Amino acid sequence: MDEEMLEAHIAFEVAAWTESLTETLTAQTNVIFEWLDGVTLGSVFSEADLDALIDAIVIPDLSASVMAVRWWALNDQTPIDELMNREDYDRAARTVAGLSDLQEAVVEQITTSKVYGNLISHVLFNGIRNYVMTESPIARVPGASSLMRMGQNAFDTAAPRLSKGIERQLTAFVAANLQDSLRDSRTYLTTVVDEQAMTDIADEAWERNAGSTLAEIAGLVGEDALAEMLSVGQEVIAYLVATPTFRGALQTVLDESSGRTVGELLAEAGITADLVIALVRPWILRAADDGLLEQFIRERLTAFYSSY
């Protein structure tokens, strides 16, 4: 083996990936991207590869990173209107306001829930009782309201069972009319929560919160609550990835994109040659500083020169 030639070759390769790193990396990355412009996704990625990809997916634990960002945000006094253009906000608001089918579905879910039914029942019960005590013609007689309260207290003391019976009757009356009330409230909400109303709500939200700082927003979610949300989110995603639905979605993307070039898909994703160079360059320099780059080059070239 020609040791002198081997060392010269190693030195040449190391210099190309250190002293001339920008030129070397740019030239080779551009060649790869030009090649990818002529390679379709379907010619490289098969259904078997898709299965292997799904099996290899590991949901990252981003807790430490998110907590670090939260800590930074808690000390940032930048107002919201400096982080988002009003035009972009209005555009997003108009899009959401136009989702009439989604709005109707949300109203339907809310107004048919047991919690909402209990709320309406509570409001009706107390509304009727308060009307009798304060707004009815009898209650408007001077002193009548106080007498009614005194009488009610005495009545409750003297005949608690009868008083409770009357309350049960009122509760039963409310329950009997609850479905009509729920239906009316559902119709009302569907009518008033239209595109214009949603736009007005979005405008009010901007006017009220545009001056709020990032620190104030970040402070709305406590550290423990955020950690729990991240944990739940990670488990939900991990479960989703293992479902046939997730695989079916990826298969659809693969089928739809199989005839397109990888270069085109990378460009749509914002992955350019310049981005790759910017990401890879620091790692190569660190590998060179640690001697790892020369070790790889030496092992590869030594095997070649030893064979002659």
C-alpha atoms as a PDB file:
ATOM      1  CA  MET A   1       0.000   0.000   0.000  1.00  0.00           C
ATOM      2  CA  ASP A   2       1.310   3.442  -0.946  1.00  0.00           C
ATOM      3  CA  GLU A   3       1.224   5.209   2.444  1.00  0.00           C
ATOM      4  CA  GLU A   4       2.339   8.539   1.000  1.00  0.00           C
ATOM      5  CA  MET A   5      -0.398   8.532  -1.616  1.00  0.00           C
ATOM      6  CA  LEU A   6      -2.958   7.498   1.006  1.00  0.00           C
ATOM      7  CA  GLU A   7      -2.044  10.385   3.323  1.00  0.00           C
ATOM      8  CA  ALA A   8      -2.102  12.851   0.426  1.00  0.00           C
ATOM      9  CA  HIS A   9      -5.522  11.644  -0.625  1.00  0.00           C
ATOM     10  CA  ILE A  10      -6.843  11.882   2.953  1.00  0.00           C
ATOM     11  CA  ALA A  11      -5.489  15.420   3.291  1.00  0.00           C
ATOM     12  CA  PHE A  12      -7.118  16.396  -0.007  1.00  0.00           C
ATOM     13  CA  GLU A  13     -10.529  15.083   1.058  1.00  0.00           C
ATOM     14  CA  VAL A  14     -10.320  16.677   4.517  1.00  0.00           C
ATOM     15  CA  ALA A  15      -9.431  20.042   2.960  1.00  0.00           C
ATOM     16  CA  ALA A  16     -12.343  19.764   0.540  1.00  0.00           C
ATOM     17  CA  TRP A  17     -14.733  19.264   3.454  1.00  0.00           C
ATOM     18  CA  THR A  18     -13.223  21.932   5.710  1.00  0.00           C
ATOM     19  CA  GLU A  19     -11.271  24.702   3.983  1.00  0.00           C
ATOM     20  CA  SER A  20     -13.447  24.484   0.851  1.00  0.00           C
ATOM     21  CA  LEU A  21     -16.562  23.259   2.633  1.00  0.00           C
ATOM     22  CA  THR A  22     -18.955  25.863   1.228  1.00  0.00           C
ATOM     23  CA  GLU A  23     -17.914  25.204  -2.363  1.00  0.00           C
ATOM     24  CA  THR A  24     -17.914  21.415  -1.936  1.00  0.00           C
ATOM     25  CA  LEU A  25     -21.230  21.274  -0.106  1.00  0.00           C
ATOM     26  CA  THR A  26     -22.916  23.682  -2.528  1.00  0.00           C
ATOM     27  CA  ALA A  27     -21.753  21.777  -5.600  1.00  0.00           C
ATOM     28  CA  GLN A  28     -22.788  18.359  -4.311  1.00  0.00           C
ATOM     29  CA  THR A  29     -26.105  19.532  -2.851  1.00  0.00           C
ATOM     30  CA  ASN A  30     -27.040  21.232  -6.116  1.00  0.00           C
ATOM     31  CA  VAL A  31     -26.253  18.047  -8.037  1.00  0.00           C
ATOM     32  CA  ILE A  32     -28.518  16.052  -5.711  1.00  0.00           C
ATOM     33  CA  PHE A  33     -31.388  18.534  -6.030  1.00  0.00           C
ATOM     34  CA  GLU A  34     -31.058  18.590  -9.818  1.00  0.00           C
ATOM     35  CA  TRP A  35     -31.264  14.803  -9.776  1.00  0.00           C
ATOM     36  CA  LEU A  36     -34.345  14.890  -7.522  1.00  0.00           C
ATOM     37  CA  ASP A  37     -36.060  17.181 -10.023  1.00  0.00           C
ATOM     38  CA  GLY A  38     -36.221  14.187 -12.353  1.00  0.00           C
ATOM     39  CA  VAL A  39     -37.132  11.484  -9.830  1.00  0.00           C
ATOM     40  CA  THR A  40     -40.794  10.792  -9.072  1.00  0.00           C
ATOM     41  CA  LEU A  41     -41.879   9.867  -5.566  1.00  0.00           C
ATOM     42  CA  GLY A  42     -43.610   6.710  -6.773  1.00  0.00           C
ATOM     43  CA  SER A  43     -40.414   5.408  -8.365  1.00  0.00           C
ATOM     44  CA  VAL A  44     -38.643   5.535  -5.008  1.00  0.00           C
ATOM     45  CA  PHE A  45     -41.283   5.049  -2.318  1.00  0.00           C
ATOM     46  CA  SER A  46     -43.457   1.911  -2.314  1.00  0.00           C
ATOM     47  CA  GLU A  47     -46.216   0.650  -0.024  1.00  0.00           C
ATOM     48  CA  ALA A  48     -43.664  -1.554   1.742  1.00  0.00           C
ATOM     49  CA  ASP A  49     -41.542   1.530   2.378  1.00  0.00           C
ATOM     50  CA  LEU A  50     -44.636   3.256   3.783  1.00  0.00           C
ATOM     51  CA  ASP A  51     -45.188   0.415   6.250  1.00  0.00           C
ATOM     52  CA  ALA A  52     -41.531   0.549   7.277  1.00  0.00           C
ATOM     53  CA  LEU A  53     -41.792   4.316   7.757  1.00  0.00           C
ATOM     54  CA  ILE A  54     -44.852   4.038   9.991  1.00  0.00           C
ATOM     55  CA  ASP A  55     -43.204   1.293  12.062  1.00  0.00           C
ATOM     56  CA  ALA A  56     -40.119   3.468  12.496  1.00  0.00           C
ATOM     57  CA  ILE A  57     -42.005   6.591  13.601  1.00  0.00           C
ATOM     58  CA  VAL A  58     -41.130   7.637  17.127  1.00  0.00           C
ATOM     59  CA  ILE A  59     -43.193  10.468  18.583  1.00  0.00           C
ATOM     60  CA  PRO A  60     -40.696  13.036  19.886  1.00  0.00           C
ATOM     61  CA  ASP A  61     -40.893  14.278  23.455  1.00  0.00           C
ATOM     62  CA  LEU A  62     -40.955  18.053  23.039  1.00  0.00           C
ATOM     63  CA  SER A  63     -41.671  18.830  26.691  1.00  0.00           C
ATOM     64  CA  ALA A  64     -38.266  20.310  27.489  1.00  0.00           C
ATOM     65  CA  SER A  65     -38.235  22.433  24.334  1.00  0.00           C
ATOM     66  CA  VAL A  66     -41.777  23.724  24.836  1.00  0.00           C
ATOM     67  CA  MET A  67     -41.077  24.535  28.487  1.00  0.00           C
ATOM     68  CA  ALA A  68     -37.958  26.438  27.454  1.00  0.00           C
ATOM     69  CA  VAL A  69     -39.984  28.437  24.934  1.00  0.00           C
ATOM     70  CA  ARG A  70     -42.641  29.123  27.581  1.00  0.00           C
ATOM     71  CA  TRP A  71     -40.020  30.412  30.011  1.00  0.00           C
ATOM     72  CA  TRP A  72     -38.646  32.692  27.299  1.00  0.00           C
ATOM     73  CA  ALA A  73     -42.150  33.888  26.380  1.00  0.00           C
ATOM     74  CA  LEU A  74     -42.886  34.745  30.024  1.00  0.00           C
ATOM     75  CA  ASN A  75     -40.118  37.331  29.803  1.00  0.00           C
ATOM     76  CA  ASP A  76     -41.044  38.751  26.398  1.00  0.00           C
ATOM     77  CA  GLN A  77     -43.056  41.974  26.401  1.00  0.00           C
ATOM     78  CA  THR A  78     -43.736  42.019  22.664  1.00  0.00           C
ATOM     79  CA  PRO A  79     -47.428  42.829  21.999  1.00  0.00           C
ATOM     80  CA  ILE A  80     -49.507  40.505  19.861  1.00  0.00           C
ATOM     81  CA  ASP A  81     -50.027  43.110  17.132  1.00  0.00           C
ATOM     82  CA  GLU A  82     -46.270  43.111  16.500  1.00  0.00           C
ATOM     83  CA  LEU A  83     -46.253  39.344  15.995  1.00  0.00           C
ATOM     84  CA  MET A  84     -49.189  39.175  13.563  1.00  0.00           C
ATOM     85  CA  ASN A  85     -50.400  41.460  10.804  1.00  0.00           C
ATOM     86  CA  ARG A  86     -53.978  42.649  11.194  1.00  0.00           C
ATOM     87  CA  GLU A  87     -54.593  41.778   7.534  1.00  0.00           C
ATOM     88  CA  ASP A  88     -53.578  38.152   8.123  1.00  0.00           C
ATOM     89  CA  TYR A  89     -55.747  37.994  11.247  1.00  0.00           C
ATOM     90  CA  ASP A  90     -58.759  39.365   9.376  1.00  0.00           C
ATOM     91  CA  ARG A  91     -58.232  36.887   6.567  1.00  0.00           C
ATOM     92  CA  ALA A  92     -58.137  33.971   9.019  1.00  0.00           C
ATOM     93  CA  ALA A  93     -61.198  35.334  10.826  1.00  0.00           C
ATOM     94  CA  ARG A  94     -63.161  35.589   7.578  1.00  0.00           C
ATOM     95  CA  THR A  95     -62.266  32.005   6.749  1.00  0.00           C
ATOM     96  CA  VAL A  96     -63.457  30.737  10.134  1.00  0.00           C
ATOM     97  CA  ALA A  97     -66.591  32.909   9.974  1.00  0.00           C
ATOM     98  CA  GLY A  98     -67.509  31.294   6.676  1.00  0.00           C
ATOM     99  CA  LEU A  99     -67.513  27.762   8.114  1.00  0.00           C
ATOM    100  CA  SER A 100     -71.286  27.702   8.563  1.00  0.00           C
ATOM    101  CA  ASP A 101     -71.563  23.903   8.611  1.00  0.00           C
ATOM    102  CA  LEU A 102     -68.966  23.681  11.371  1.00  0.00           C
ATOM    103  CA  GLN A 103     -70.696  26.428  13.360  1.00  0.00           C
ATOM    104  CA  GLU A 104     -74.033  24.621  13.140  1.00  0.00           C
ATOM    105  CA  ALA A 105     -72.385  21.380  14.231  1.00  0.00           C
ATOM    106  CA  VAL A 106     -70.794  23.110  17.241  1.00  0.00           C
ATOM    107  CA  VAL A 107     -74.110  24.713  18.230  1.00  0.00           C
ATOM    108  CA  GLU A 108     -75.810  21.321  17.876  1.00  0.00           C
ATOM    109  CA  GLN A 109     -73.207  19.626  20.075  1.00  0.00           C
ATOM    110  CA  ILE A 110     -73.459  22.319  22.752  1.00  0.00           C
ATOM    111  CA  THR A 111     -77.233  22.620  22.892  1.00  0.00           C
ATOM    112  CA  THR A 112     -77.805  18.860  22.997  1.00  0.00           C
ATOM    113  CA  SER A 113     -75.355  18.255  25.826  1.00  0.00           C
ATOM    114  CA  LYS A 114     -76.543  17.379  29.318  1.00  0.00           C
ATOM    115  CA  VAL A 115     -74.504  20.216  30.820  1.00  0.00           C
ATOM    116  CA  TYR A 116     -76.206  22.775  28.588  1.00  0.00           C
ATOM    117  CA  GLY A 117     -79.608  21.308  29.457  1.00  0.00           C
ATOM    118  CA  ASN A 118     -78.825  21.633  33.169  1.00  0.00           C
ATOM    119  CA  LEU A 119     -77.703  25.217  32.619  1.00  0.00           C
ATOM    120  CA  ILE A 120     -80.909  26.178  30.816  1.00  0.00           C
ATOM    121  CA  SER A 121     -82.961  24.396  33.479  1.00  0.00           C
ATOM    122  CA  HIS A 122     -81.134  26.308  36.210  1.00  0.00           C
ATOM    123  CA  VAL A 123     -81.635  29.625  34.422  1.00  0.00           C
ATOM    124  CA  LEU A 124     -85.354  28.982  33.868  1.00  0.00           C
ATOM    125  CA  PHE A 125     -85.937  27.827  37.447  1.00  0.00           C
ATOM    126  CA  ASN A 126     -84.228  30.807  39.013  1.00  0.00           C
ATOM    127  CA  GLY A 127     -85.699  33.187  36.455  1.00  0.00           C
ATOM    128  CA  ILE A 128     -89.255  32.118  37.248  1.00  0.00           C
ATOM    129  CA  ARG A 129     -88.654  32.190  40.983  1.00  0.00           C
ATOM    130  CA  ASN A 130     -86.993  35.601  40.872  1.00  0.00           C
ATOM    131  CA  TYR A 131     -89.797  36.953  38.693  1.00  0.00           C
ATOM    132  CA  VAL A 132     -92.392  35.872  41.213  1.00  0.00           C
ATOM    133  CA  MET A 133     -90.385  37.442  44.041  1.00  0.00           C
ATOM    134  CA  THR A 134     -89.395  40.719  42.366  1.00  0.00           C
ATOM    135  CA  GLU A 135     -91.182  41.437  39.083  1.00  0.00           C
ATOM    136  CA  SER A 136     -94.679  39.967  39.292  1.00  0.00           C
ATOM    137  CA  PRO A 137     -97.685  42.308  39.847  1.00  0.00           C
ATOM    138  CA  ILE A 138     -97.970  41.103  43.442  1.00  0.00           C
ATOM    139  CA  ALA A 139     -94.300  41.756  44.116  1.00  0.00           C
ATOM    140  CA  ARG A 140     -94.694  45.334  42.862  1.00  0.00           C
ATOM    141  CA  VAL A 141     -97.032  46.182  45.745  1.00  0.00           C
ATOM    142  CA  PRO A 142     -94.955  48.198  48.264  1.00  0.00           C
ATOM    143  CA  GLY A 143     -93.553  45.848  50.874  1.00  0.00           C
ATOM    144  CA  ALA A 144     -95.026  42.767  49.231  1.00  0.00           C
ATOM    145  CA  SER A 145     -91.682  41.392  48.131  1.00  0.00           C
ATOM    146  CA  SER A 146     -90.307  41.537  51.679  1.00  0.00           C
ATOM    147  CA  LEU A 147     -93.492  39.996  53.048  1.00  0.00           C
ATOM    148  CA  MET A 148     -93.267  37.242  50.453  1.00  0.00           C
ATOM    149  CA  ARG A 149     -89.697  36.490  51.481  1.00  0.00           C
ATOM    150  CA  MET A 150     -90.661  36.537  55.153  1.00  0.00           C
ATOM    151  CA  GLY A 151     -93.649  34.372  54.376  1.00  0.00           C
ATOM    152  CA  GLN A 152     -91.506  32.008  52.357  1.00  0.00           C
ATOM    153  CA  ASN A 153     -89.024  31.674  55.221  1.00  0.00           C
ATOM    154  CA  ALA A 154     -91.823  31.058  57.698  1.00  0.00           C
ATOM    155  CA  PHE A 155     -93.488  28.677  55.281  1.00  0.00           C
ATOM    156  CA  ASP A 156     -90.234  26.770  54.826  1.00  0.00           C
ATOM    157  CA  THR A 157     -89.897  26.488  58.608  1.00  0.00           C
ATOM    158  CA  ALA A 158     -93.478  25.501  59.281  1.00  0.00           C
ATOM    159  CA  ALA A 159     -94.001  23.144  56.365  1.00  0.00           C
ATOM    160  CA  PRO A 160     -90.645  22.191  54.862  1.00  0.00           C
ATOM    161  CA  ARG A 161     -92.082  19.193  53.023  1.00  0.00           C
ATOM    162  CA  LEU A 162     -94.785  21.265  51.364  1.00  0.00           C
ATOM    163  CA  SER A 163     -92.251  23.927  50.434  1.00  0.00           C
ATOM    164  CA  LYS A 164     -90.018  21.325  48.881  1.00  0.00           C
ATOM    165  CA  GLY A 165     -93.037  19.914  47.094  1.00  0.00           C
ATOM    166  CA  ILE A 166     -93.763  23.279  45.515  1.00  0.00           C
ATOM    167  CA  GLU A 167     -90.128  23.534  44.486  1.00  0.00           C
ATOM    168  CA  ARG A 168     -90.329  20.081  42.949  1.00  0.00           C
ATOM    169  CA  GLN A 169     -93.444  21.130  41.036  1.00  0.00           C
ATOM    170  CA  LEU A 170     -91.621  24.162  39.693  1.00  0.00           C
ATOM    171  CA  THR A 171     -88.678  21.966  38.753  1.00  0.00           C
ATOM    172  CA  ALA A 172     -91.028  19.533  37.017  1.00  0.00           C
ATOM    173  CA  PHE A 173     -92.658  22.404  35.117  1.00  0.00           C
ATOM    174  CA  VAL A 174     -89.251  23.596  33.938  1.00  0.00           C
ATOM    175  CA  ALA A 175     -88.274  20.057  32.932  1.00  0.00           C
ATOM    176  CA  ALA A 176     -91.517  19.598  30.989  1.00  0.00           C
ATOM    177  CA  ASN A 177     -90.823  22.727  28.979  1.00  0.00           C
ATOM    178  CA  LEU A 178     -87.073  22.215  28.737  1.00  0.00           C
ATOM    179  CA  GLN A 179     -87.031  20.632  25.279  1.00  0.00           C
ATOM    180  CA  ASP A 180     -88.966  23.542  23.806  1.00  0.00           C
ATOM    181  CA  SER A 181     -86.547  25.944  25.482  1.00  0.00           C
ATOM    182  CA  LEU A 182     -83.541  24.032  24.188  1.00  0.00           C
ATOM    183  CA  ARG A 183     -84.978  23.958  20.686  1.00  0.00           C
ATOM    184  CA  ASP A 184     -85.652  27.695  20.802  1.00  0.00           C
ATOM    185  CA  SER A 185     -82.149  28.437  22.093  1.00  0.00           C
ATOM    186  CA  ARG A 186     -80.631  26.230  19.394  1.00  0.00           C
ATOM    187  CA  THR A 187     -82.587  28.067  16.706  1.00  0.00           C
ATOM    188  CA  TYR A 188     -81.621  31.419  18.184  1.00  0.00           C
ATOM    189  CA  LEU A 189     -77.919  30.584  18.385  1.00  0.00           C
ATOM    190  CA  THR A 190     -77.890  29.236  14.838  1.00  0.00           C
ATOM    191  CA  THR A 191     -79.527  32.452  13.660  1.00  0.00           C
ATOM    192  CA  VAL A 192     -77.321  34.944  15.495  1.00  0.00           C
ATOM    193  CA  VAL A 193     -74.019  33.100  15.068  1.00  0.00           C
ATOM    194  CA  ASP A 194     -73.801  33.998  11.394  1.00  0.00           C
ATOM    195  CA  GLU A 195     -70.822  35.151   9.352  1.00  0.00           C
ATOM    196  CA  GLN A 196     -71.266  38.809  10.279  1.00  0.00           C
ATOM    197  CA  ALA A 197     -71.607  38.023  13.987  1.00  0.00           C
ATOM    198  CA  MET A 198     -68.462  35.884  13.920  1.00  0.00           C
ATOM    199  CA  THR A 199     -66.602  38.682  12.128  1.00  0.00           C
ATOM    200  CA  ASP A 200     -67.747  41.181  14.762  1.00  0.00           C
ATOM    201  CA  ILE A 201     -66.581  38.846  17.528  1.00  0.00           C
ATOM    202  CA  ALA A 202     -63.191  38.491  15.842  1.00  0.00           C
ATOM    203  CA  ASP A 203     -62.889  42.285  15.550  1.00  0.00           C
ATOM    204  CA  GLU A 204     -63.717  42.722  19.222  1.00  0.00           C
ATOM    205  CA  ALA A 205     -61.203  40.029  20.178  1.00  0.00           C
ATOM    206  CA  TRP A 206     -58.465  41.810  18.229  1.00  0.00           C
ATOM    207  CA  GLU A 207     -59.251  45.217  19.697  1.00  0.00           C
ATOM    208  CA  ARG A 208     -59.275  43.777  23.198  1.00  0.00           C
ATOM    209  CA  ASN A 209     -56.165  41.607  22.960  1.00  0.00           C
ATOM    210  CA  ALA A 210     -53.893  43.122  20.301  1.00  0.00           C
ATOM    211  CA  GLY A 211     -52.000  45.074  22.940  1.00  0.00           C
ATOM    212  CA  SER A 212     -51.529  42.067  25.223  1.00  0.00           C
ATOM    213  CA  THR A 213     -47.935  40.945  25.525  1.00  0.00           C
ATOM    214  CA  LEU A 214     -46.558  37.516  24.780  1.00  0.00           C
ATOM    215  CA  ALA A 215     -45.705  37.225  28.478  1.00  0.00           C
ATOM    216  CA  GLU A 216     -49.347  37.758  29.425  1.00  0.00           C
ATOM    217  CA  ILE A 217     -50.534  35.135  26.953  1.00  0.00           C
ATOM    218  CA  ALA A 218     -47.921  32.607  28.086  1.00  0.00           C
ATOM    219  CA  GLY A 219     -48.898  33.210  31.704  1.00  0.00           C
ATOM    220  CA  LEU A 220     -52.454  32.032  31.049  1.00  0.00           C
ATOM    221  CA  VAL A 221     -51.273  28.406  31.004  1.00  0.00           C
ATOM    222  CA  GLY A 222     -49.463  27.138  34.081  1.00  0.00           C
ATOM    223  CA  GLU A 223     -46.374  24.964  33.854  1.00  0.00           C
ATOM    224  CA  ASP A 224     -48.079  21.874  35.300  1.00  0.00           C
ATOM    225  CA  ALA A 225     -51.102  22.241  33.019  1.00  0.00           C
ATOM    226  CA  LEU A 226     -48.869  22.673  29.971  1.00  0.00           C
ATOM    227  CA  ALA A 227     -46.831  19.602  30.909  1.00  0.00           C
ATOM    228  CA  GLU A 228     -50.013  17.550  31.246  1.00  0.00           C
ATOM    229  CA  MET A 229     -51.333  18.793  27.884  1.00  0.00           C
ATOM    230  CA  LEU A 230     -48.052  17.862  26.211  1.00  0.00           C
ATOM    231  CA  SER A 231     -48.148  14.405  27.778  1.00  0.00           C
ATOM    232  CA  VAL A 232     -51.730  13.821  26.660  1.00  0.00           C
ATOM    233  CA  GLY A 233     -50.991  15.168  23.193  1.00  0.00           C
ATOM    234  CA  GLN A 234     -48.030  12.848  22.790  1.00  0.00           C
ATOM    235  CA  GLU A 235     -50.107   9.826  23.801  1.00  0.00           C
ATOM    236  CA  VAL A 236     -52.944  10.823  21.456  1.00  0.00           C
ATOM    237  CA  ILE A 237     -50.570  11.179  18.500  1.00  0.00           C
ATOM    238  CA  ALA A 238     -48.816   7.897  19.319  1.00  0.00           C
ATOM    239  CA  TYR A 239     -52.179   6.117  19.349  1.00  0.00           C
ATOM    240  CA  LEU A 240     -53.271   7.810  16.116  1.00  0.00           C
ATOM    241  CA  VAL A 241     -50.100   6.809  14.273  1.00  0.00           C
ATOM    242  CA  ALA A 242     -50.827   3.140  15.016  1.00  0.00           C
ATOM    243  CA  THR A 243     -54.331   3.256  13.529  1.00  0.00           C
ATOM    244  CA  PRO A 244     -55.315   2.114  10.014  1.00  0.00           C
ATOM    245  CA  THR A 245     -56.781   5.584   9.474  1.00  0.00           C
ATOM    246  CA  PHE A 246     -53.352   7.195   9.728  1.00  0.00           C
ATOM    247  CA  ARG A 247     -51.874   4.702   7.314  1.00  0.00           C
ATOM    248  CA  GLY A 248     -54.758   5.266   4.929  1.00  0.00           C
ATOM    249  CA  ALA A 249     -54.171   9.012   5.012  1.00  0.00           C
ATOM    250  CA  LEU A 250     -50.466   8.578   4.222  1.00  0.00           C
ATOM    251  CA  GLN A 251     -51.321   6.093   1.478  1.00  0.00           C
ATOM    252  CA  THR A 252     -53.631   8.684  -0.082  1.00  0.00           C
ATOM    253  CA  VAL A 253     -50.865  11.284  -0.017  1.00  0.00           C
ATOM    254  CA  LEU A 254     -48.472   8.784  -1.585  1.00  0.00           C
ATOM    255  CA  ASP A 255     -50.972   7.867  -4.302  1.00  0.00           C
ATOM    256  CA  GLU A 256     -51.753  11.498  -5.096  1.00  0.00           C
ATOM    257  CA  SER A 257     -48.077  12.476  -5.212  1.00  0.00           C
ATOM    258  CA  SER A 258     -46.540   9.364  -6.761  1.00  0.00           C
ATOM    259  CA  GLY A 259     -46.290  10.969 -10.189  1.00  0.00           C
ATOM    260  CA  ARG A 260     -44.708  14.188  -8.959  1.00  0.00           C
ATOM    261  CA  THR A 261     -40.976  14.714  -8.648  1.00  0.00           C
ATOM    262  CA  VAL A 262     -39.298  14.682  -5.267  1.00  0.00           C
ATOM    263  CA  GLY A 263     -37.715  18.043  -6.077  1.00  0.00           C
ATOM    264  CA  GLU A 264     -41.136  19.601  -6.613  1.00  0.00           C
ATOM    265  CA  LEU A 265     -42.451  18.177  -3.337  1.00  0.00           C
ATOM    266  CA  LEU A 266     -39.393  19.399  -1.432  1.00  0.00           C
ATOM    267  CA  ALA A 267     -39.818  22.881  -2.899  1.00  0.00           C
ATOM    268  CA  GLU A 268     -43.456  22.966  -1.766  1.00  0.00           C
ATOM    269  CA  ALA A 269     -42.320  21.985   1.725  1.00  0.00           C
ATOM    270  CA  GLY A 270     -39.785  24.824   1.722  1.00  0.00           C
ATOM    271  CA  ILE A 271     -36.792  22.479   1.659  1.00  0.00           C
ATOM    272  CA  THR A 272     -34.233  24.026  -0.684  1.00  0.00           C
ATOM    273  CA  ALA A 273     -30.571  23.402  -1.407  1.00  0.00           C
ATOM    274  CA  ASP A 274     -29.656  26.543   0.542  1.00  0.00           C
ATOM    275  CA  LEU A 275     -31.612  25.316   3.565  1.00  0.00           C
ATOM    276  CA  VAL A 276     -29.881  21.929   3.484  1.00  0.00           C
ATOM    277  CA  ILE A 277     -26.471  23.595   3.234  1.00  0.00           C
ATOM    278  CA  ALA A 278     -27.261  25.911   6.157  1.00  0.00           C
ATOM    279  CA  LEU A 279     -28.380  22.962   8.298  1.00  0.00           C
ATOM    280  CA  VAL A 280     -25.585  20.525   7.395  1.00  0.00           C
ATOM    281  CA  ARG A 281     -22.572  22.879   7.353  1.00  0.00           C
ATOM    282  CA  PRO A 282     -22.226  23.346  11.163  1.00  0.00           C
ATOM    283  CA  TRP A 283     -22.360  19.579  11.718  1.00  0.00           C
ATOM    284  CA  ILE A 284     -19.614  18.853   9.217  1.00  0.00           C
ATOM    285  CA  LEU A 285     -17.387  21.502  10.789  1.00  0.00           C
ATOM    286  CA  ARG A 286     -17.994  20.041  14.243  1.00  0.00           C
ATOM    287  CA  ALA A 287     -17.229  16.536  12.945  1.00  0.00           C
ATOM    288  CA  ALA A 288     -13.978  17.893  11.511  1.00  0.00           C
ATOM    289  CA  ASP A 289     -13.046  19.553  14.821  1.00  0.00           C
ATOM    290  CA  ASP A 290     -13.669  16.290  16.696  1.00  0.00           C
ATOM    291  CA  GLY A 291     -11.620  14.261  14.210  1.00  0.00           C
ATOM    292  CA  LEU A 292     -14.645  12.242  13.132  1.00  0.00           C
ATOM    293  CA  LEU A 293     -14.549  13.522   9.545  1.00  0.00           C
ATOM    294  CA  GLU A 294     -10.931  12.471   9.051  1.00  0.00           C
ATOM    295  CA  GLN A 295     -11.659   9.116  10.700  1.00  0.00           C
ATOM    296  CA  PHE A 296     -14.440   8.353   8.208  1.00  0.00           C
ATOM    297  CA  ILE A 297     -12.330   9.429   5.243  1.00  0.00           C
ATOM    298  CA  ARG A 298      -9.316   7.466   6.470  1.00  0.00           C
ATOM    299  CA  GLU A 299     -11.301   4.257   7.008  1.00  0.00           C
ATOM    300  CA  ARG A 300     -12.892   4.468   3.559  1.00  0.00           C
ATOM    301  CA  LEU A 301      -9.668   5.284   1.685  1.00  0.00           C
ATOM    302  CA  THR A 302      -7.508   2.833   3.647  1.00  0.00           C
ATOM    303  CA  ALA A 303      -9.816  -0.002   2.616  1.00  0.00           C
ATOM    304  CA  PHE A 304      -9.404   1.061  -1.012  1.00  0.00           C
ATOM    305  CA  TYR A 305      -5.604   1.452  -0.967  1.00  0.00           C
ATOM    306  CA  SER A 306      -5.160  -1.788   0.976  1.00  0.00           C
ATOM    307  CA  SER A 307      -6.806  -3.710  -1.848  1.00  0.00           C
ATOM    308  CA  TYR A 308      -4.015  -2.766  -4.298  1.00  0.00           C
END
